Amino acid sequence: MAQGSDSNDTTYKSPSPGSRPSSSDDAKKVMRREKNRIAAQKSRMRQTEKADKLHLESENLEKENAALRKEVKQLTEEAKYLSSVLSSHEPLCTGLAPQTPDLLYPAHHGSYHQAHITVPHYQH
């Protein structure tokens, strides 16, 4: 065995054999270790808090993403519906051109044509 070592001794030994650190050196080591322990503890707490914050943000973004996907689906369905309404309405309007530049949609003739239109027409 090396000089100054004991298999049961777990305390720090000075690298130079025969020299004993002073009590002020021991106090400095104890203080440094305590500061290091506190700093490590604070660092671990900050890491845990950051991980928790990221987890919550991730959950919120997933909820928002699901809501947006649902909205996209609804809007896609609405666009399909409106396209079908337009497609069914276009044959009734073919050949009709505005008679004046101020009139975007000319007056339609026939009671059936007026009754099936539920969306108001706007001028641009």
N, C-alpha and C. Protein backbone atom coordinates (compact mmCIF):
# COMPACT_ATOMS: atom_id res chain seq x y z
N MET A 1 0.83 -1.19 0.00
CA MET A 1 0.00 0.00 0.00
C MET A 1 0.87 1.24 0.00
N ALA A 2 0.30 2.33 -0.59
CA ALA A 2 1.05 3.59 -0.65
C ALA A 2 1.07 4.23 0.72
N GLN A 3 2.08 5.03 0.93
CA GLN A 3 2.24 5.69 2.21
C GLN A 3 1.11 6.68 2.43
N GLY A 4 0.51 6.67 3.61
CA GLY A 4 -0.54 7.61 3.97
C GLY A 4 -1.92 7.20 3.50
N SER A 5 -2.08 6.01 2.95
CA SER A 5 -3.42 5.61 2.52
C SER A 5 -3.90 4.47 3.38
N ASP A 6 -5.21 4.45 3.61
CA ASP A 6 -5.84 3.41 4.39
C ASP A 6 -7.10 3.02 3.62
N SER A 7 -7.37 1.74 3.51
CA SER A 7 -8.50 1.29 2.70
C SER A 7 -9.83 1.79 3.25
N ASN A 8 -9.94 2.08 4.53
CA ASN A 8 -11.17 2.57 5.14
C ASN A 8 -11.25 4.09 5.18
N ASP A 9 -10.16 4.77 4.86
CA ASP A 9 -10.10 6.22 4.96
C ASP A 9 -10.61 6.84 3.67
N THR A 10 -11.69 7.64 3.76
CA THR A 10 -12.26 8.26 2.58
C THR A 10 -12.04 9.77 2.56
N THR A 11 -11.28 10.29 3.50
CA THR A 11 -11.04 11.73 3.53
C THR A 11 -9.95 12.09 2.55
N TYR A 12 -9.95 13.34 2.15
CA TYR A 12 -8.97 13.85 1.20
C TYR A 12 -7.60 13.91 1.84
N LYS A 13 -6.59 13.43 1.14
CA LYS A 13 -5.21 13.48 1.62
C LYS A 13 -4.41 14.44 0.77
N SER A 14 -3.53 15.15 1.36
CA SER A 14 -2.65 16.06 0.66
C SER A 14 -1.72 15.26 -0.23
N PRO A 15 -1.41 15.74 -1.44
CA PRO A 15 -0.55 14.98 -2.33
C PRO A 15 0.89 14.85 -1.84
N SER A 16 1.34 15.79 -1.05
CA SER A 16 2.72 15.69 -0.56
C SER A 16 2.75 14.98 0.78
N PRO A 17 3.44 13.84 0.84
CA PRO A 17 3.47 13.09 2.10
C PRO A 17 4.26 13.86 3.15
N GLY A 18 3.77 13.79 4.35
CA GLY A 18 4.46 14.41 5.46
C GLY A 18 4.02 15.83 5.74
N SER A 19 3.39 16.52 4.80
CA SER A 19 2.95 17.89 5.08
C SER A 19 1.46 17.86 5.41
N ARG A 20 1.07 18.52 6.42
CA ARG A 20 -0.32 18.55 6.89
C ARG A 20 -0.88 19.95 6.62
N PRO A 21 -2.03 20.02 5.86
CA PRO A 21 -2.59 21.35 5.62
C PRO A 21 -3.03 22.00 6.93
N SER A 22 -2.98 23.32 6.95
CA SER A 22 -3.35 24.04 8.16
C SER A 22 -4.86 24.03 8.31
N SER A 23 -5.36 24.42 9.47
CA SER A 23 -6.79 24.43 9.71
C SER A 23 -7.48 25.47 8.84
N SER A 24 -6.79 26.54 8.47
CA SER A 24 -7.41 27.53 7.58
C SER A 24 -7.58 26.95 6.19
N ASP A 25 -6.64 26.09 5.75
CA ASP A 25 -6.80 25.42 4.45
C ASP A 25 -8.00 24.47 4.48
N ASP A 26 -8.17 23.75 5.60
CA ASP A 26 -9.32 22.86 5.75
C ASP A 26 -10.62 23.65 5.71
N ALA A 27 -10.66 24.78 6.37
CA ALA A 27 -11.87 25.61 6.39
C ALA A 27 -12.18 26.11 4.98
N LYS A 28 -11.14 26.48 4.23
CA LYS A 28 -11.33 26.95 2.86
C LYS A 28 -11.90 25.84 1.99
N LYS A 29 -11.37 24.61 2.18
CA LYS A 29 -11.88 23.47 1.40
C LYS A 29 -13.33 23.19 1.72
N VAL A 30 -13.66 23.24 3.00
CA VAL A 30 -15.03 22.98 3.43
C VAL A 30 -15.97 24.04 2.83
N MET A 31 -15.55 25.30 2.88
CA MET A 31 -16.36 26.38 2.34
C MET A 31 -16.51 26.22 0.82
N ARG A 32 -15.41 25.90 0.14
CA ARG A 32 -15.47 25.73 -1.31
C ARG A 32 -16.39 24.56 -1.69
N ARG A 33 -16.29 23.47 -0.96
CA ARG A 33 -17.16 22.32 -1.23
C ARG A 33 -18.63 22.65 -0.97
N GLU A 34 -18.88 23.41 0.09
CA GLU A 34 -20.26 23.79 0.40
C GLU A 34 -20.83 24.71 -0.69
N LYS A 35 -20.01 25.67 -1.14
CA LYS A 35 -20.45 26.55 -2.22
C LYS A 35 -20.70 25.75 -3.50
N ASN A 36 -19.81 24.82 -3.77
CA ASN A 36 -19.95 23.97 -4.96
C ASN A 36 -21.23 23.12 -4.86
N ARG A 37 -21.49 22.58 -3.69
CA ARG A 37 -22.69 21.77 -3.47
C ARG A 37 -23.95 22.60 -3.71
N ILE A 38 -23.97 23.81 -3.17
CA ILE A 38 -25.13 24.69 -3.33
C ILE A 38 -25.30 25.08 -4.79
N ALA A 39 -24.19 25.40 -5.47
CA ALA A 39 -24.25 25.77 -6.88
C ALA A 39 -24.77 24.60 -7.73
N ALA A 40 -24.32 23.40 -7.43
CA ALA A 40 -24.77 22.22 -8.18
C ALA A 40 -26.26 21.98 -7.94
N GLN A 41 -26.70 22.18 -6.70
CA GLN A 41 -28.11 22.00 -6.36
C GLN A 41 -28.97 23.02 -7.11
N LYS A 42 -28.52 24.28 -7.14
CA LYS A 42 -29.25 25.32 -7.87
C LYS A 42 -29.30 25.01 -9.37
N SER A 43 -28.18 24.52 -9.89
CA SER A 43 -28.13 24.18 -11.31
C SER A 43 -29.11 23.07 -11.63
N ARG A 44 -29.18 22.05 -10.80
CA ARG A 44 -30.12 20.96 -11.01
C ARG A 44 -31.57 21.45 -10.94
N MET A 45 -31.85 22.37 -10.01
CA MET A 45 -33.20 22.93 -9.90
C MET A 45 -33.56 23.72 -11.15
N ARG A 46 -32.61 24.51 -11.66
CA ARG A 46 -32.87 25.29 -12.88
C ARG A 46 -33.13 24.36 -14.06
N GLN A 47 -32.36 23.29 -14.16
CA GLN A 47 -32.57 22.32 -15.24
C GLN A 47 -33.94 21.68 -15.15
N THR A 48 -34.35 21.31 -13.93
CA THR A 48 -35.67 20.70 -13.72
C THR A 48 -36.78 21.67 -14.08
N GLU A 49 -36.65 22.93 -13.63
CA GLU A 49 -37.66 23.94 -13.95
C GLU A 49 -37.74 24.17 -15.46
N LYS A 50 -36.57 24.22 -16.11
CA LYS A 50 -36.56 24.42 -17.56
C LYS A 50 -37.24 23.26 -18.27
N ALA A 51 -36.96 22.04 -17.84
CA ALA A 51 -37.58 20.86 -18.44
C ALA A 51 -39.09 20.88 -18.23
N ASP A 52 -39.53 21.26 -17.03
CA ASP A 52 -40.97 21.35 -16.74
C ASP A 52 -41.63 22.40 -17.63
N LYS A 53 -40.98 23.54 -17.77
CA LYS A 53 -41.52 24.62 -18.61
C LYS A 53 -41.63 24.17 -20.07
N LEU A 54 -40.61 23.50 -20.57
CA LEU A 54 -40.63 23.00 -21.94
C LEU A 54 -41.73 21.96 -22.14
N HIS A 55 -41.93 21.12 -21.13
CA HIS A 55 -42.98 20.09 -21.20
C HIS A 55 -44.36 20.75 -21.29
N LEU A 56 -44.61 21.76 -20.46
CA LEU A 56 -45.89 22.46 -20.50
C LEU A 56 -46.09 23.17 -21.84
N GLU A 57 -45.02 23.80 -22.32
CA GLU A 57 -45.11 24.49 -23.61
C GLU A 57 -45.41 23.49 -24.73
N SER A 58 -44.78 22.33 -24.67
CA SER A 58 -45.02 21.29 -25.66
C SER A 58 -46.48 20.83 -25.63
N GLU A 59 -47.02 20.61 -24.44
CA GLU A 59 -48.42 20.20 -24.32
C GLU A 59 -49.35 21.27 -24.88
N ASN A 60 -49.08 22.54 -24.57
CA ASN A 60 -49.91 23.63 -25.07
C ASN A 60 -49.84 23.71 -26.59
N LEU A 61 -48.66 23.55 -27.15
CA LEU A 61 -48.51 23.60 -28.61
C LEU A 61 -49.22 22.43 -29.28
N GLU A 62 -49.20 21.27 -28.65
CA GLU A 62 -49.92 20.12 -29.20
C GLU A 62 -51.42 20.36 -29.21
N LYS A 63 -51.94 20.98 -28.13
CA LYS A 63 -53.37 21.30 -28.07
C LYS A 63 -53.72 22.33 -29.15
N GLU A 64 -52.88 23.34 -29.28
CA GLU A 64 -53.12 24.37 -30.29
C GLU A 64 -53.06 23.77 -31.70
N ASN A 65 -52.11 22.88 -31.91
CA ASN A 65 -51.99 22.22 -33.21
C ASN A 65 -53.24 21.41 -33.53
N ALA A 66 -53.75 20.68 -32.54
CA ALA A 66 -54.97 19.88 -32.75
C ALA A 66 -56.15 20.79 -33.08
N ALA A 67 -56.26 21.92 -32.38
CA ALA A 67 -57.36 22.86 -32.65
C ALA A 67 -57.24 23.44 -34.05
N LEU A 68 -56.02 23.77 -34.46
CA LEU A 68 -55.82 24.32 -35.80
C LEU A 68 -56.11 23.29 -36.88
N ARG A 69 -55.74 22.04 -36.64
CA ARG A 69 -56.03 20.98 -37.61
C ARG A 69 -57.55 20.80 -37.76
N LYS A 70 -58.25 20.89 -36.63
CA LYS A 70 -59.71 20.77 -36.66
C LYS A 70 -60.31 21.93 -37.46
N GLU A 71 -59.78 23.13 -37.24
CA GLU A 71 -60.27 24.30 -37.97
C GLU A 71 -60.00 24.17 -39.47
N VAL A 72 -58.81 23.67 -39.82
CA VAL A 72 -58.48 23.46 -41.23
C VAL A 72 -59.46 22.48 -41.86
N LYS A 73 -59.77 21.41 -41.13
CA LYS A 73 -60.71 20.41 -41.65
C LYS A 73 -62.08 21.04 -41.88
N GLN A 74 -62.55 21.84 -40.92
CA GLN A 74 -63.86 22.48 -41.06
C GLN A 74 -63.86 23.46 -42.25
N LEU A 75 -62.79 24.24 -42.38
CA LEU A 75 -62.72 25.20 -43.47
C LEU A 75 -62.63 24.50 -44.82
N THR A 76 -61.93 23.36 -44.87
CA THR A 76 -61.85 22.59 -46.11
C THR A 76 -63.23 22.07 -46.50
N GLU A 77 -63.97 21.57 -45.51
CA GLU A 77 -65.33 21.09 -45.78
C GLU A 77 -66.22 22.24 -46.24
N GLU A 78 -66.08 23.40 -45.63
CA GLU A 78 -66.87 24.56 -46.03
C GLU A 78 -66.52 24.98 -47.46
N ALA A 79 -65.22 24.96 -47.79
CA ALA A 79 -64.79 25.33 -49.15
C ALA A 79 -65.37 24.36 -50.17
N LYS A 80 -65.38 23.06 -49.84
CA LYS A 80 -65.98 22.06 -50.75
C LYS A 80 -67.47 22.34 -50.95
N TYR A 81 -68.15 22.64 -49.85
CA TYR A 81 -69.58 22.92 -49.92
C TYR A 81 -69.83 24.15 -50.79
N LEU A 82 -69.09 25.21 -50.55
CA LEU A 82 -69.28 26.44 -51.31
C LEU A 82 -68.94 26.24 -52.78
N SER A 83 -67.93 25.42 -53.06
CA SER A 83 -67.60 25.11 -54.46
C SER A 83 -68.75 24.38 -55.13
N SER A 84 -69.36 23.45 -54.41
CA SER A 84 -70.48 22.71 -55.00
C SER A 84 -71.69 23.63 -55.22
N VAL A 85 -71.92 24.55 -54.29
CA VAL A 85 -73.01 25.52 -54.46
C VAL A 85 -72.73 26.38 -55.69
N LEU A 86 -71.49 26.83 -55.82
CA LEU A 86 -71.12 27.65 -56.98
C LEU A 86 -71.26 26.86 -58.27
N SER A 87 -70.80 25.61 -58.26
CA SER A 87 -70.90 24.77 -59.46
C SER A 87 -72.35 24.56 -59.87
N SER A 88 -73.23 24.38 -58.92
CA SER A 88 -74.63 24.17 -59.25
C SER A 88 -75.30 25.48 -59.68
N HIS A 89 -74.76 26.59 -59.28
CA HIS A 89 -75.35 27.88 -59.62
C HIS A 89 -74.84 28.42 -60.96
N GLU A 90 -73.61 28.09 -61.32
CA GLU A 90 -73.00 28.63 -62.55
C GLU A 90 -73.82 28.35 -63.81
N PRO A 91 -74.36 27.15 -64.00
CA PRO A 91 -75.14 26.92 -65.23
C PRO A 91 -76.33 27.86 -65.37
N LEU A 92 -76.86 28.31 -64.27
CA LEU A 92 -78.02 29.21 -64.31
C LEU A 92 -77.61 30.62 -64.71
N CYS A 93 -76.33 30.97 -64.54
CA CYS A 93 -75.87 32.32 -64.80
C CYS A 93 -75.10 32.44 -66.11
N THR A 94 -74.86 31.37 -66.83
CA THR A 94 -74.07 31.44 -68.06
C THR A 94 -74.78 32.27 -69.11
N GLY A 95 -74.02 33.05 -69.85
CA GLY A 95 -74.58 33.87 -70.92
C GLY A 95 -75.13 35.19 -70.43
N LEU A 96 -75.20 35.39 -69.15
CA LEU A 96 -75.70 36.66 -68.62
C LEU A 96 -74.52 37.56 -68.33
N ALA A 97 -74.43 38.65 -69.02
CA ALA A 97 -73.33 39.59 -68.81
C ALA A 97 -73.90 40.85 -68.17
N PRO A 98 -73.12 41.50 -67.34
CA PRO A 98 -73.60 42.74 -66.72
C PRO A 98 -73.90 43.77 -67.80
N GLN A 99 -75.03 44.46 -67.66
CA GLN A 99 -75.44 45.43 -68.66
C GLN A 99 -74.84 46.80 -68.39
N THR A 100 -74.48 47.06 -67.12
CA THR A 100 -73.83 48.32 -66.78
C THR A 100 -72.60 48.00 -65.95
N PRO A 101 -71.57 48.84 -66.00
CA PRO A 101 -70.36 48.57 -65.22
C PRO A 101 -70.62 48.61 -63.71
N ASP A 102 -71.65 49.31 -63.28
CA ASP A 102 -71.93 49.40 -61.84
C ASP A 102 -72.58 48.15 -61.29
N LEU A 103 -73.16 47.34 -62.16
CA LEU A 103 -73.90 46.17 -61.71
C LEU A 103 -73.02 44.93 -61.85
N LEU A 104 -72.67 44.33 -60.73
CA LEU A 104 -71.82 43.15 -60.75
C LEU A 104 -72.60 41.92 -61.19
N TYR A 105 -73.80 41.74 -60.66
CA TYR A 105 -74.65 40.61 -61.01
C TYR A 105 -75.94 41.15 -61.60
N PRO A 106 -76.26 40.77 -62.82
CA PRO A 106 -77.50 41.26 -63.43
C PRO A 106 -78.71 40.64 -62.75
N ALA A 107 -79.84 41.27 -62.92
CA ALA A 107 -81.08 40.75 -62.34
C ALA A 107 -81.41 39.42 -63.01
N HIS A 108 -81.82 38.45 -62.22
CA HIS A 108 -82.16 37.12 -62.73
C HIS A 108 -83.67 37.04 -62.93
N HIS A 109 -84.06 36.19 -63.84
CA HIS A 109 -85.48 36.01 -64.12
C HIS A 109 -85.90 34.62 -63.65
N GLY A 110 -87.07 34.51 -63.16
CA GLY A 110 -87.59 33.21 -62.74
C GLY A 110 -87.60 33.09 -61.23
N SER A 111 -88.64 32.54 -60.66
CA SER A 111 -88.77 32.42 -59.20
C SER A 111 -87.84 31.36 -58.64
N TYR A 112 -87.56 30.26 -59.38
CA TYR A 112 -86.67 29.21 -58.88
C TYR A 112 -85.27 29.76 -58.66
N HIS A 113 -84.81 30.56 -59.57
CA HIS A 113 -83.45 31.07 -59.51
C HIS A 113 -83.25 31.96 -58.28
N GLN A 114 -84.22 32.78 -57.97
CA GLN A 114 -84.11 33.66 -56.82
C GLN A 114 -84.21 32.88 -55.50
N ALA A 115 -85.01 31.85 -55.46
CA ALA A 115 -85.27 31.13 -54.21
C ALA A 115 -84.08 30.30 -53.74
N HIS A 116 -83.24 29.78 -54.61
CA HIS A 116 -82.19 28.87 -54.16
C HIS A 116 -80.91 29.59 -53.75
N ILE A 117 -80.83 30.88 -53.97
CA ILE A 117 -79.62 31.63 -53.59
C ILE A 117 -79.83 32.17 -52.18
N THR A 118 -78.96 31.74 -51.26
CA THR A 118 -79.08 32.20 -49.88
C THR A 118 -77.91 33.09 -49.47
N VAL A 119 -76.86 33.13 -50.27
CA VAL A 119 -75.70 33.93 -49.94
C VAL A 119 -75.82 35.27 -50.67
N PRO A 120 -75.71 36.41 -49.97
CA PRO A 120 -75.84 37.70 -50.64
C PRO A 120 -74.65 37.95 -51.55
N HIS A 121 -74.89 38.69 -52.63
CA HIS A 121 -73.83 39.04 -53.58
C HIS A 121 -73.33 40.44 -53.24
N TYR A 122 -72.04 40.61 -53.32
CA TYR A 122 -71.44 41.90 -52.99
C TYR A 122 -70.75 42.47 -54.21
N GLN A 123 -70.74 43.80 -54.28
CA GLN A 123 -70.03 44.47 -55.35
C GLN A 123 -68.61 44.69 -54.92
N HIS A 124 -67.70 44.67 -55.90
CA HIS A 124 -66.27 44.89 -55.59
C HIS A 124 -65.89 46.31 -55.79
